Protein backbone atom coordinates (compact mmCIF):
# COMPACT_ATOMS: atom_id res chain seq x y z
CA MET A 1 162.02 84.17 86.39
CA THR A 2 158.77 85.59 86.45
CA PRO A 3 157.87 88.86 83.99
CA MET A 4 157.56 91.36 87.04
CA ALA A 5 160.60 90.31 88.86
CA ASN A 6 163.88 92.87 88.94
CA ILE A 7 161.66 95.72 88.43
CA ARG A 8 162.39 98.81 90.00
CA TRP A 9 159.24 99.70 91.30
CA GLY A 10 160.61 102.16 93.66
CA ARG A 11 161.96 104.09 90.85
CA VAL A 12 159.07 103.75 88.31
CA ILE A 13 156.85 104.80 90.97
CA LEU A 14 159.09 107.79 91.74
CA ALA A 15 159.73 108.83 88.39
CA ALA A 16 155.94 108.68 87.37
CA ILE A 17 155.34 111.08 90.55
CA ALA A 18 158.44 113.22 89.21
CA ALA A 19 156.91 113.12 86.15
CA GLU A 20 153.62 114.61 87.25
CA VAL A 21 154.89 117.32 89.19
CA GLY A 22 157.07 118.47 86.21
CA VAL A 23 153.62 118.97 84.14
CA ILE A 24 151.91 121.02 87.15
CA LEU A 25 154.95 123.11 87.15
CA LEU A 26 155.12 123.81 83.44
CA LEU A 27 151.48 124.10 83.52
CA VAL A 28 151.76 127.30 86.45
CA ALA A 29 154.43 128.49 84.61
CA ALA A 30 152.34 129.02 81.00
CA SER A 31 149.72 129.94 82.75
CA THR A 32 151.81 132.76 84.52
CA VAL A 33 153.78 133.04 81.24
CA PHE A 34 151.52 133.62 78.57
CA LYS A 35 148.50 134.75 81.18
CA VAL A 36 146.13 132.44 80.34
CA SER A 37 143.79 130.69 82.52
CA SER A 38 145.18 127.17 83.68
CA GLU A 39 142.21 125.83 82.25
CA SER A 40 143.11 126.80 78.83
CA ALA A 41 147.02 126.01 79.69
CA GLY A 42 146.06 122.56 80.83
CA TYR A 43 144.03 121.82 77.49
CA TYR A 44 146.99 122.75 75.48
CA VAL A 45 150.15 122.32 77.41
CA ALA A 46 149.82 119.23 80.00
CA PRO A 47 148.98 116.46 76.80
CA PRO A 48 152.77 117.23 75.44
CA ALA A 49 153.93 118.35 78.62
CA SER A 50 153.11 114.74 80.16
CA ALA A 51 154.86 112.60 77.41
CA VAL A 52 157.70 115.00 77.53
CA ALA A 53 158.08 115.03 81.28
CA THR A 54 157.38 110.91 81.04
CA PHE A 55 160.27 110.26 78.61
CA LEU A 56 162.63 112.39 80.81
CA MET A 57 162.04 110.13 83.41
CA VAL A 58 162.39 107.17 82.06
CA LEU A 59 166.09 108.04 80.84
CA TRP A 60 166.44 108.59 84.79
CA VAL A 61 165.06 105.43 86.04
CA ALA A 62 167.07 103.52 83.22
CA ARG A 63 170.65 105.18 83.94
CA LYS A 64 171.36 102.08 86.53
CA LEU A 65 169.51 99.40 84.48
CA GLU A 66 170.80 96.77 82.59
CA SER A 67 167.97 95.46 80.50
CA ARG A 68 164.02 95.45 80.55
CA PHE A 69 164.69 99.36 79.59
CA VAL A 70 161.00 99.25 77.49
CA LEU A 71 159.41 97.62 80.07
CA HIS A 72 160.70 99.92 82.72
CA GLY A 73 159.63 103.02 80.53
CA LEU A 74 156.10 101.57 80.07
CA LEU A 75 155.72 100.80 83.82
CA VAL A 76 156.59 104.45 84.31
CA GLY A 77 153.81 105.72 81.87
CA VAL A 78 151.15 103.16 83.05
CA VAL A 79 152.02 104.18 86.81
CA GLY A 80 151.57 107.89 85.66
CA VAL A 81 148.21 107.39 84.08
CA VAL A 82 147.35 105.54 87.15
CA LEU A 83 148.19 108.31 89.06
CA THR A 84 146.15 110.61 87.06
CA ALA A 85 143.24 108.93 86.09
CA GLY A 86 140.84 110.03 88.59
CA PHE A 87 140.98 113.33 87.05
CA ILE A 88 139.13 112.41 84.03
CA PHE A 89 136.11 111.85 86.16
CA THR A 90 136.03 115.47 87.56
CA ALA A 91 136.92 116.70 84.14
CA LYS A 92 134.20 118.65 82.15
CA PRO A 93 132.65 116.28 79.41
CA GLU A 94 134.00 118.32 76.64
CA ASP A 95 137.62 118.37 78.81
CA ARG A 96 137.68 114.63 78.57
CA TRP A 97 139.60 113.81 75.12
CA MET A 98 142.02 115.87 76.11
CA TYR A 99 142.73 113.48 79.37
CA VAL A 100 142.79 110.57 77.44
CA VAL A 101 145.16 112.09 74.53
CA SER A 102 147.39 112.91 77.81
CA PHE A 103 146.85 109.00 79.20
CA VAL A 104 148.31 107.57 75.46
CA LEU A 105 151.34 110.33 75.27
CA ARG A 106 152.14 109.49 78.77
CA ILE A 107 152.40 105.28 77.70
CA VAL A 108 153.91 106.62 74.36
CA GLY A 109 156.67 108.71 76.35
CA GLY A 110 157.51 106.10 78.62
CA TYR A 111 157.95 103.74 75.80
CA LEU A 112 160.20 105.94 73.61
CA GLY A 113 162.37 106.89 76.68
CA GLY A 114 162.95 103.01 77.35
CA LEU A 115 163.70 102.73 73.53
CA VAL A 116 165.86 105.42 73.58
CA ALA A 117 167.90 104.27 76.92
CA GLN A 118 168.10 100.81 75.51
CA LYS A 119 170.56 102.13 72.63
CA PRO A 120 173.83 102.98 74.91
CA ALA A 121 173.00 99.96 76.84
CA ALA A 122 173.03 97.41 73.12
CA ILE A 123 176.51 99.69 72.12
CA ARG A 124 178.07 98.77 75.15
CA GLU A 125 177.40 95.09 75.31
CA ALA A 126 178.10 95.20 71.48
CA GLN A 127 182.02 96.19 72.39
CA LEU A 128 182.42 94.06 75.30
CA GLN A 129 181.87 90.91 72.92
């Protein structure tokens, strides 16, 4: 079996898109509630929001998985980075660091989501034996 066999690509891509939509909605909410510019909200809110949104969407992806939880989590994070990578080229030079941090946090959020989703499956498997 190849390493990429049995990947739930539809769910991975949908989760990455949904995570990005979640980040955008949170940025709009933060700039509205705190009455700050979207640029300021983006700089401080987007990196942690991207990690949390990716983490939550990995939990959704993993609901029906039986294995490869961490791989799916990492893939959601990587696809999220690919979807948003173009923004780094249009960003101001002083804001590019924020994008790099956001990209790393997306992948970390995906990895941690995969680890968390893997635990209940391991417990279920241990109970069956």
